[in-house]
Amino acid sequence: MLKTYFGEWGTGKLQRLPYFGYHILLIVLIIAIILGSIATVGAVENFMGGNLAETQKMLMDKFGFVAIAGIMILIFAAMLGQLNILGKRIRDMGLPVLGTILGIMFISLILNIVLPPQEVAISAAAVQTADGSAAAVATTTTSTNIFIQIFDMIVFLCLVFIPSNTFGNK
């Protein structure tokens, strides 16, 4: 598995189904690491007496630099692994790797400049039960660009559905 993510930079190829599987596996691993980090902070908070602010301050004082460096290394490794399997899949399709990746990045950059992200607010309404208790209203605001998401989805679907050696020499 590590050879697939971090090896065979100039020669490796990856067919459609293995690309899809390795892509999903990378996403699952990233989510597992994030949830594991959250669970670790929660467990330490429980052992420290239940005060989240004190626990976070203590963890930041003792492990702040190490945690930030570890997160940066994990992000870099995930990006490197994703870039490698993307290159292998593009090579398997018969396209030039560097030109195709730079083209995808250029189109994404142009879409971000021409159509900047919009603020999207997601709200949850208050609910009152029969006994008189009520839930609070929760609002989440995020920046998103639907055109970038559509472009990314089209690129991913092309990588998954275009057969091997479609653009190669026949």
N, C-alpha and C. Protein backbone atom coordinates (compact mmCIF):
# COMPACT_ATOMS: atom_id res chain seq x y z
N MET A 1 0.82 -1.18 0.00
CA MET A 1 0.00 0.00 0.00
C MET A 1 0.88 1.26 0.00
N LEU A 2 1.93 1.28 0.79
CA LEU A 2 2.80 2.44 0.82
C LEU A 2 3.50 2.65 -0.52
N LYS A 3 3.80 1.53 -1.22
CA LYS A 3 4.42 1.64 -2.53
C LYS A 3 3.46 2.31 -3.52
N THR A 4 2.18 2.04 -3.37
CA THR A 4 1.19 2.66 -4.25
C THR A 4 1.10 4.16 -3.99
N TYR A 5 1.10 4.55 -2.73
CA TYR A 5 0.97 5.96 -2.39
C TYR A 5 2.26 6.75 -2.57
N PHE A 6 3.41 6.13 -2.30
CA PHE A 6 4.65 6.90 -2.26
C PHE A 6 5.75 6.37 -3.18
N GLY A 7 5.48 5.35 -4.00
CA GLY A 7 6.50 4.78 -4.87
C GLY A 7 6.14 4.88 -6.33
N GLU A 8 7.06 4.47 -7.20
CA GLU A 8 6.87 4.42 -8.65
C GLU A 8 6.41 5.77 -9.20
N TRP A 9 7.15 6.83 -8.92
CA TRP A 9 6.74 8.16 -9.34
C TRP A 9 6.72 8.33 -10.84
N GLY A 10 7.68 7.83 -11.54
CA GLY A 10 7.76 8.08 -12.97
C GLY A 10 7.19 6.99 -13.85
N THR A 11 6.94 5.81 -13.29
CA THR A 11 6.55 4.68 -14.13
C THR A 11 5.23 4.04 -13.74
N GLY A 12 4.74 4.27 -12.55
CA GLY A 12 3.57 3.56 -12.06
C GLY A 12 2.29 3.90 -12.79
N LYS A 13 1.41 2.92 -12.86
CA LYS A 13 0.08 3.09 -13.44
C LYS A 13 -0.94 2.51 -12.47
N LEU A 14 -2.14 3.05 -12.52
CA LEU A 14 -3.19 2.61 -11.62
C LEU A 14 -4.50 2.59 -12.38
N GLN A 15 -5.13 1.41 -12.46
CA GLN A 15 -6.38 1.30 -13.20
C GLN A 15 -7.52 1.93 -12.41
N ARG A 16 -8.73 1.90 -13.01
CA ARG A 16 -9.87 2.65 -12.46
C ARG A 16 -10.28 2.19 -11.07
N LEU A 17 -10.56 0.93 -10.90
CA LEU A 17 -11.06 0.44 -9.61
C LEU A 17 -10.01 0.56 -8.50
N PRO A 18 -8.74 0.20 -8.74
CA PRO A 18 -7.75 0.44 -7.68
C PRO A 18 -7.59 1.92 -7.34
N TYR A 19 -7.67 2.81 -8.35
CA TYR A 19 -7.60 4.25 -8.07
C TYR A 19 -8.75 4.66 -7.14
N PHE A 20 -9.94 4.22 -7.45
CA PHE A 20 -11.11 4.55 -6.63
C PHE A 20 -10.93 4.03 -5.20
N GLY A 21 -10.46 2.79 -5.08
CA GLY A 21 -10.26 2.20 -3.76
C GLY A 21 -9.19 2.92 -2.95
N TYR A 22 -8.06 3.25 -3.58
CA TYR A 22 -6.99 3.95 -2.87
C TYR A 22 -7.40 5.38 -2.52
N HIS A 23 -8.20 6.00 -3.37
CA HIS A 23 -8.70 7.34 -3.07
C HIS A 23 -9.62 7.32 -1.85
N ILE A 24 -10.55 6.38 -1.83
CA ILE A 24 -11.48 6.25 -0.70
C ILE A 24 -10.71 5.86 0.56
N LEU A 25 -9.74 4.96 0.45
CA LEU A 25 -8.94 4.55 1.61
C LEU A 25 -8.19 5.74 2.21
N LEU A 26 -7.65 6.60 1.37
CA LEU A 26 -6.94 7.78 1.87
C LEU A 26 -7.90 8.71 2.62
N ILE A 27 -9.09 8.90 2.10
CA ILE A 27 -10.09 9.73 2.78
C ILE A 27 -10.47 9.12 4.12
N VAL A 28 -10.69 7.81 4.16
CA VAL A 28 -11.06 7.13 5.40
C VAL A 28 -9.93 7.24 6.43
N LEU A 29 -8.68 7.09 5.98
CA LEU A 29 -7.55 7.22 6.91
C LEU A 29 -7.46 8.63 7.49
N ILE A 30 -7.68 9.64 6.68
CA ILE A 30 -7.64 11.02 7.17
C ILE A 30 -8.75 11.26 8.18
N ILE A 31 -9.95 10.78 7.89
CA ILE A 31 -11.07 10.94 8.82
C ILE A 31 -10.80 10.18 10.12
N ALA A 32 -10.22 8.99 10.02
CA ALA A 32 -9.89 8.22 11.23
C ALA A 32 -8.86 8.94 12.09
N ILE A 33 -7.88 9.56 11.46
CA ILE A 33 -6.87 10.31 12.23
C ILE A 33 -7.51 11.51 12.91
N ILE A 34 -8.38 12.21 12.22
CA ILE A 34 -9.07 13.37 12.82
C ILE A 34 -9.94 12.93 13.99
N LEU A 35 -10.73 11.89 13.79
CA LEU A 35 -11.60 11.40 14.88
C LEU A 35 -10.78 10.85 16.04
N GLY A 36 -9.66 10.21 15.75
CA GLY A 36 -8.78 9.72 16.81
C GLY A 36 -8.19 10.86 17.62
N SER A 37 -7.82 11.94 16.95
CA SER A 37 -7.31 13.12 17.67
C SER A 37 -8.36 13.73 18.57
N ILE A 38 -9.58 13.83 18.06
CA ILE A 38 -10.68 14.38 18.86
C ILE A 38 -10.96 13.48 20.06
N ALA A 39 -10.97 12.17 19.84
CA ALA A 39 -11.21 11.23 20.93
C ALA A 39 -10.09 11.30 21.97
N THR A 40 -8.86 11.48 21.54
CA THR A 40 -7.74 11.60 22.47
C THR A 40 -7.89 12.84 23.35
N VAL A 41 -8.23 13.97 22.74
CA VAL A 41 -8.43 15.18 23.53
C VAL A 41 -9.60 14.99 24.50
N GLY A 42 -10.66 14.32 24.06
CA GLY A 42 -11.79 14.05 24.95
C GLY A 42 -11.41 13.15 26.10
N ALA A 43 -10.60 12.13 25.83
CA ALA A 43 -10.18 11.23 26.90
C ALA A 43 -9.28 11.94 27.90
N VAL A 44 -8.36 12.77 27.40
CA VAL A 44 -7.50 13.53 28.30
C VAL A 44 -8.32 14.50 29.13
N GLU A 45 -9.33 15.11 28.51
CA GLU A 45 -10.22 16.02 29.25
C GLU A 45 -10.94 15.28 30.37
N ASN A 46 -11.39 14.09 30.10
CA ASN A 46 -12.08 13.29 31.11
C ASN A 46 -11.15 12.96 32.28
N PHE A 47 -9.90 12.61 31.96
CA PHE A 47 -8.94 12.31 33.02
C PHE A 47 -8.52 13.55 33.81
N MET A 48 -8.59 14.72 33.17
CA MET A 48 -8.17 15.96 33.82
C MET A 48 -9.28 16.61 34.65
N GLY A 49 -10.43 16.03 34.71
CA GLY A 49 -11.50 16.56 35.55
C GLY A 49 -12.65 17.20 34.78
N GLY A 50 -12.64 17.17 33.47
CA GLY A 50 -13.78 17.64 32.71
C GLY A 50 -13.75 19.09 32.27
N ASN A 51 -12.66 19.81 32.47
CA ASN A 51 -12.59 21.20 32.04
C ASN A 51 -11.88 21.25 30.70
N LEU A 52 -12.64 21.49 29.63
CA LEU A 52 -12.08 21.45 28.28
C LEU A 52 -11.07 22.56 28.04
N ALA A 53 -11.34 23.76 28.53
CA ALA A 53 -10.43 24.89 28.31
C ALA A 53 -9.07 24.62 28.96
N GLU A 54 -9.06 24.12 30.20
CA GLU A 54 -7.80 23.81 30.87
C GLU A 54 -7.06 22.68 30.16
N THR A 55 -7.79 21.68 29.71
CA THR A 55 -7.19 20.55 29.02
C THR A 55 -6.53 21.00 27.73
N GLN A 56 -7.24 21.81 26.95
CA GLN A 56 -6.67 22.30 25.70
C GLN A 56 -5.43 23.15 25.94
N LYS A 57 -5.46 23.99 26.97
CA LYS A 57 -4.30 24.82 27.30
C LYS A 57 -3.11 23.96 27.72
N MET A 58 -3.37 22.95 28.56
CA MET A 58 -2.31 22.07 29.01
C MET A 58 -1.70 21.29 27.82
N LEU A 59 -2.56 20.76 26.94
CA LEU A 59 -2.07 20.03 25.78
C LEU A 59 -1.28 20.94 24.85
N MET A 60 -1.74 22.16 24.67
CA MET A 60 -1.04 23.10 23.80
C MET A 60 0.31 23.49 24.38
N ASP A 61 0.37 23.66 25.70
CA ASP A 61 1.64 24.02 26.34
C ASP A 61 2.66 22.88 26.24
N LYS A 62 2.22 21.65 26.45
CA LYS A 62 3.14 20.52 26.48
C LYS A 62 3.43 19.94 25.09
N PHE A 63 2.40 19.87 24.24
CA PHE A 63 2.56 19.18 22.96
C PHE A 63 2.24 20.06 21.75
N GLY A 64 2.15 21.36 21.91
CA GLY A 64 1.72 22.25 20.85
C GLY A 64 2.56 22.15 19.59
N PHE A 65 3.87 22.35 19.73
CA PHE A 65 4.74 22.31 18.55
C PHE A 65 4.77 20.93 17.92
N VAL A 66 4.84 19.91 18.73
CA VAL A 66 4.89 18.53 18.22
C VAL A 66 3.58 18.19 17.50
N ALA A 67 2.46 18.61 18.07
CA ALA A 67 1.16 18.33 17.44
C ALA A 67 1.03 19.06 16.11
N ILE A 68 1.41 20.33 16.08
CA ILE A 68 1.32 21.09 14.84
C ILE A 68 2.26 20.52 13.78
N ALA A 69 3.47 20.16 14.17
CA ALA A 69 4.41 19.56 13.23
C ALA A 69 3.88 18.21 12.72
N GLY A 70 3.31 17.41 13.62
CA GLY A 70 2.73 16.13 13.21
C GLY A 70 1.58 16.29 12.25
N ILE A 71 0.72 17.25 12.51
CA ILE A 71 -0.41 17.50 11.62
C ILE A 71 0.09 17.97 10.26
N MET A 72 1.09 18.84 10.25
CA MET A 72 1.65 19.31 8.98
C MET A 72 2.26 18.16 8.18
N ILE A 73 2.96 17.26 8.87
CA ILE A 73 3.56 16.10 8.19
C ILE A 73 2.47 15.19 7.63
N LEU A 74 1.41 14.95 8.40
CA LEU A 74 0.31 14.11 7.92
C LEU A 74 -0.40 14.74 6.73
N ILE A 75 -0.61 16.05 6.76
CA ILE A 75 -1.25 16.73 5.63
C ILE A 75 -0.36 16.63 4.39
N PHE A 76 0.93 16.87 4.57
CA PHE A 76 1.87 16.77 3.45
C PHE A 76 1.91 15.35 2.88
N ALA A 77 1.93 14.35 3.76
CA ALA A 77 1.95 12.95 3.30
C ALA A 77 0.67 12.60 2.55
N ALA A 78 -0.48 13.07 3.05
CA ALA A 78 -1.75 12.79 2.37
C ALA A 78 -1.79 13.47 1.00
N MET A 79 -1.31 14.70 0.93
CA MET A 79 -1.29 15.39 -0.38
C MET A 79 -0.34 14.70 -1.34
N LEU A 80 0.81 14.28 -0.84
CA LEU A 80 1.79 13.59 -1.68
C LEU A 80 1.23 12.26 -2.19
N GLY A 81 0.59 11.50 -1.30
CA GLY A 81 -0.02 10.23 -1.71
C GLY A 81 -1.14 10.44 -2.72
N GLN A 82 -1.97 11.45 -2.51
CA GLN A 82 -3.06 11.74 -3.44
C GLN A 82 -2.50 12.17 -4.79
N LEU A 83 -1.47 12.99 -4.78
CA LEU A 83 -0.85 13.44 -6.03
C LEU A 83 -0.23 12.26 -6.79
N ASN A 84 0.38 11.33 -6.07
CA ASN A 84 0.99 10.17 -6.72
C ASN A 84 -0.05 9.26 -7.36
N ILE A 85 -1.13 8.95 -6.65
CA ILE A 85 -2.14 8.08 -7.27
C ILE A 85 -2.87 8.80 -8.40
N LEU A 86 -3.01 10.13 -8.29
CA LEU A 86 -3.59 10.91 -9.39
C LEU A 86 -2.69 10.82 -10.62
N GLY A 87 -1.39 10.99 -10.43
CA GLY A 87 -0.46 10.88 -11.54
C GLY A 87 -0.45 9.50 -12.17
N LYS A 88 -0.52 8.47 -11.34
CA LYS A 88 -0.54 7.10 -11.88
C LYS A 88 -1.80 6.85 -12.70
N ARG A 89 -2.92 7.36 -12.23
CA ARG A 89 -4.18 7.17 -12.96
C ARG A 89 -4.16 7.93 -14.28
N ILE A 90 -3.63 9.15 -14.26
CA ILE A 90 -3.54 9.94 -15.49
C ILE A 90 -2.60 9.26 -16.48
N ARG A 91 -1.48 8.72 -16.00
CA ARG A 91 -0.54 8.00 -16.87
C ARG A 91 -1.20 6.76 -17.45
N ASP A 92 -2.03 6.06 -16.66
CA ASP A 92 -2.72 4.86 -17.13
C ASP A 92 -3.73 5.21 -18.23
N MET A 93 -4.29 6.42 -18.16
CA MET A 93 -5.25 6.85 -19.19
C MET A 93 -4.54 7.23 -20.49
N GLY A 94 -3.22 7.44 -20.44
CA GLY A 94 -2.46 7.78 -21.63
C GLY A 94 -2.21 9.26 -21.80
N LEU A 95 -2.43 10.06 -20.77
CA LEU A 95 -2.22 11.50 -20.82
C LEU A 95 -0.88 11.87 -20.19
N PRO A 96 -0.32 13.02 -20.56
CA PRO A 96 0.90 13.47 -19.89
C PRO A 96 0.58 13.94 -18.47
N VAL A 97 1.32 13.45 -17.50
CA VAL A 97 1.00 13.67 -16.08
C VAL A 97 1.16 15.13 -15.69
N LEU A 98 2.33 15.69 -15.93
CA LEU A 98 2.61 17.05 -15.47
C LEU A 98 1.67 18.06 -16.11
N GLY A 99 1.49 17.97 -17.42
CA GLY A 99 0.60 18.90 -18.13
C GLY A 99 -0.85 18.80 -17.67
N THR A 100 -1.31 17.58 -17.43
CA THR A 100 -2.69 17.38 -17.00
C THR A 100 -2.91 17.92 -15.59
N ILE A 101 -2.01 17.63 -14.67
CA ILE A 101 -2.16 18.12 -13.30
C ILE A 101 -2.07 19.64 -13.26
N LEU A 102 -1.11 20.21 -14.00
CA LEU A 102 -1.02 21.67 -14.05
C LEU A 102 -2.25 22.29 -14.69
N GLY A 103 -2.82 21.63 -15.69
CA GLY A 103 -4.06 22.11 -16.32
C GLY A 103 -5.23 22.10 -15.36
N ILE A 104 -5.35 21.03 -14.58
CA ILE A 104 -6.43 20.94 -13.57
C ILE A 104 -6.26 22.05 -12.54
N MET A 105 -5.03 22.26 -12.07
CA MET A 105 -4.77 23.30 -11.09
C MET A 105 -5.04 24.69 -11.67
N PHE A 106 -4.68 24.92 -12.93
CA PHE A 106 -4.90 26.21 -13.58
C PHE A 106 -6.39 26.50 -13.72
N ILE A 107 -7.15 25.52 -14.18
CA ILE A 107 -8.61 25.71 -14.33
C ILE A 107 -9.24 25.98 -12.97
N SER A 108 -8.82 25.25 -11.95
CA SER A 108 -9.35 25.46 -10.60
C SER A 108 -9.01 26.86 -10.10
N LEU A 109 -7.79 27.33 -10.35
CA LEU A 109 -7.38 28.67 -9.95
C LEU A 109 -8.21 29.73 -10.66
N ILE A 110 -8.42 29.57 -11.95
CA ILE A 110 -9.21 30.53 -12.72
C ILE A 110 -10.65 30.56 -12.20
N LEU A 111 -11.23 29.39 -11.92
CA LEU A 111 -12.59 29.36 -11.38
C LEU A 111 -12.66 30.05 -10.02
N ASN A 112 -11.63 29.90 -9.19
CA ASN A 112 -11.62 30.57 -7.89
C ASN A 112 -11.50 32.08 -8.04
N ILE A 113 -10.78 32.55 -9.04
CA ILE A 113 -10.62 33.99 -9.25
C ILE A 113 -11.89 34.59 -9.85
N VAL A 114 -12.42 33.93 -10.87
CA VAL A 114 -13.59 34.46 -11.57
C VAL A 114 -14.85 34.34 -10.71
N LEU A 115 -15.01 33.22 -10.04
CA LEU A 115 -16.20 32.97 -9.23
C LEU A 115 -15.76 32.73 -7.79
N PRO A 116 -15.59 33.80 -7.00
CA PRO A 116 -15.10 33.62 -5.62
C PRO A 116 -16.09 32.86 -4.76
N PRO A 117 -15.59 32.24 -3.69
CA PRO A 117 -16.48 31.48 -2.79
C PRO A 117 -17.56 32.37 -2.18
N GLN A 118 -18.72 31.79 -1.96
CA GLN A 118 -19.85 32.49 -1.36
C GLN A 118 -20.07 31.96 0.05
N GLU A 119 -20.57 32.83 0.91
CA GLU A 119 -20.92 32.42 2.27
C GLU A 119 -22.24 31.66 2.23
N VAL A 120 -22.26 30.51 2.85
CA VAL A 120 -23.47 29.69 2.94
C VAL A 120 -23.76 29.46 4.41
N ALA A 121 -24.98 29.81 4.83
CA ALA A 121 -25.37 29.63 6.23
C ALA A 121 -26.34 28.47 6.33
N ILE A 122 -26.07 27.59 7.26
CA ILE A 122 -26.93 26.43 7.50
C ILE A 122 -27.48 26.58 8.92
N SER A 123 -28.81 26.61 9.04
CA SER A 123 -29.42 26.83 10.35
C SER A 123 -30.28 25.65 10.74
N ALA A 124 -30.36 25.43 12.05
CA ALA A 124 -31.25 24.41 12.60
C ALA A 124 -32.29 25.14 13.44
N ALA A 125 -33.52 24.84 13.26
CA ALA A 125 -34.59 25.53 13.98
C ALA A 125 -34.74 25.00 15.40
N ALA A 126 -35.30 25.84 16.25
CA ALA A 126 -35.55 25.44 17.64
C ALA A 126 -36.77 24.53 17.67
N VAL A 127 -36.71 23.52 18.52
CA VAL A 127 -37.81 22.56 18.65
C VAL A 127 -38.29 22.57 20.10
N GLN A 128 -39.58 22.75 20.27
CA GLN A 128 -40.15 22.75 21.62
C GLN A 128 -40.94 21.45 21.80
N THR A 129 -40.66 20.77 22.89
CA THR A 129 -41.33 19.50 23.16
C THR A 129 -42.56 19.73 24.02
N ALA A 130 -43.32 18.68 24.27
CA ALA A 130 -44.56 18.77 25.03
C ALA A 130 -44.32 19.18 26.49
N ASP A 131 -43.17 18.84 27.05
CA ASP A 131 -42.90 19.20 28.45
C ASP A 131 -42.33 20.61 28.60
N GLY A 132 -42.21 21.36 27.51
CA GLY A 132 -41.79 22.75 27.59
C GLY A 132 -40.32 22.99 27.35
N SER A 133 -39.51 21.94 27.17
CA SER A 133 -38.09 22.16 26.90
C SER A 133 -37.90 22.50 25.42
N ALA A 134 -36.84 23.24 25.14
CA ALA A 134 -36.60 23.66 23.76
C ALA A 134 -35.13 23.48 23.42
N ALA A 135 -34.86 23.20 22.16
CA ALA A 135 -33.49 23.09 21.67
C ALA A 135 -33.06 24.43 21.10
N ALA A 136 -31.79 24.76 21.23
CA ALA A 136 -31.27 26.04 20.74
C ALA A 136 -31.11 26.01 19.22
N VAL A 137 -31.09 27.20 18.65
CA VAL A 137 -30.88 27.34 17.21
C VAL A 137 -29.38 27.29 16.94
N ALA A 138 -28.98 26.45 16.02
CA ALA A 138 -27.58 26.33 15.66
C ALA A 138 -27.39 26.82 14.22
N THR A 139 -26.39 27.68 14.02
CA THR A 139 -26.10 28.20 12.69
C THR A 139 -24.63 27.96 12.37
N THR A 140 -24.40 27.44 11.19
CA THR A 140 -23.04 27.21 10.72
C THR A 140 -22.86 27.99 9.42
N THR A 141 -21.77 28.74 9.34
CA THR A 141 -21.47 29.50 8.13
C THR A 141 -20.18 28.97 7.54
N THR A 142 -20.19 28.75 6.24
CA THR A 142 -19.01 28.24 5.56
C THR A 142 -18.88 28.91 4.20
N SER A 143 -17.67 28.94 3.68
CA SER A 143 -17.43 29.48 2.34
C SER A 143 -17.36 28.32 1.37
N THR A 144 -18.08 28.44 0.28
CA THR A 144 -18.08 27.36 -0.71
C THR A 144 -18.27 27.94 -2.10
N ASN A 145 -17.84 27.22 -3.09
CA ASN A 145 -18.05 27.59 -4.47
C ASN A 145 -18.56 26.35 -5.18
N ILE A 146 -19.80 26.40 -5.57
CA ILE A 146 -20.45 25.23 -6.19
C ILE A 146 -19.77 24.87 -7.52
N PHE A 147 -19.24 25.86 -8.24
CA PHE A 147 -18.60 25.57 -9.52
C PHE A 147 -17.29 24.80 -9.33
N ILE A 148 -16.54 25.12 -8.28
CA ILE A 148 -15.32 24.38 -7.98
C ILE A 148 -15.67 22.95 -7.58
N GLN A 149 -16.72 22.79 -6.79
CA GLN A 149 -17.14 21.46 -6.39
C GLN A 149 -17.60 20.63 -7.59
N ILE A 150 -18.32 21.25 -8.52
CA ILE A 150 -18.75 20.55 -9.74
C ILE A 150 -17.54 20.18 -10.58
N PHE A 151 -16.57 21.10 -10.73
CA PHE A 151 -15.36 20.82 -11.49
C PHE A 151 -14.58 19.66 -10.87
N ASP A 152 -14.41 19.69 -9.55
CA ASP A 152 -13.71 18.60 -8.87
C ASP A 152 -14.43 17.27 -9.04
N MET A 153 -15.76 17.30 -9.00
CA MET A 153 -16.54 16.07 -9.19
C MET A 153 -16.37 15.54 -10.62
N ILE A 154 -16.37 16.43 -11.61
CA ILE A 154 -16.19 16.01 -13.00
C ILE A 154 -14.81 15.40 -13.19
N VAL A 155 -13.77 16.02 -12.63
CA VAL A 155 -12.42 15.47 -12.74
C VAL A 155 -12.36 14.09 -12.10
N PHE A 156 -12.92 13.95 -10.90
CA PHE A 156 -12.91 12.65 -10.22
C PHE A 156 -13.66 11.59 -11.04
N LEU A 157 -14.83 11.94 -11.55
CA LEU A 157 -15.61 10.97 -12.34
C LEU A 157 -14.88 10.60 -13.63
N CYS A 158 -14.20 11.55 -14.25
CA CYS A 158 -13.39 11.23 -15.44
C CYS A 158 -12.28 10.25 -15.09
N LEU A 159 -11.63 10.47 -13.94
CA LEU A 159 -10.56 9.56 -13.52
C LEU A 159 -11.09 8.16 -13.22
N VAL A 160 -12.31 8.08 -12.73
CA VAL A 160 -12.87 6.78 -12.38
C VAL A 160 -13.46 6.06 -13.60
N PHE A 161 -14.07 6.80 -14.53
CA PHE A 161 -14.81 6.14 -15.60
C PHE A 161 -14.09 6.05 -16.94
N ILE A 162 -13.05 6.84 -17.20
CA ILE A 162 -12.34 6.74 -18.48
C ILE A 162 -11.42 5.52 -18.43
N PRO A 163 -11.56 4.62 -19.39
CA PRO A 163 -10.78 3.38 -19.37
C PRO A 163 -9.29 3.62 -19.57
N SER A 164 -8.51 2.59 -19.24
CA SER A 164 -7.06 2.63 -19.38
C SER A 164 -6.67 2.80 -20.84
N ASN A 165 -5.58 3.56 -21.06
CA ASN A 165 -4.98 3.77 -22.38
C ASN A 165 -5.96 4.34 -23.41
N THR A 166 -6.93 5.12 -22.98
CA THR A 166 -7.87 5.75 -23.89
C THR A 166 -7.18 6.77 -24.77
N PHE A 167 -6.25 7.53 -24.22
CA PHE A 167 -5.58 8.59 -24.96
C PHE A 167 -4.18 8.20 -25.39
N GLY A 168 -3.80 6.94 -25.18
CA GLY A 168 -2.44 6.50 -25.53
C GLY A 168 -2.31 6.17 -27.00
N ASN A 169 -1.11 5.79 -27.38
CA ASN A 169 -0.84 5.40 -28.77
C ASN A 169 -1.49 4.07 -29.06
N LYS A 170 -2.24 4.02 -30.14
CA LYS A 170 -2.93 2.78 -30.49
C LYS A 170 -2.37 2.21 -31.76
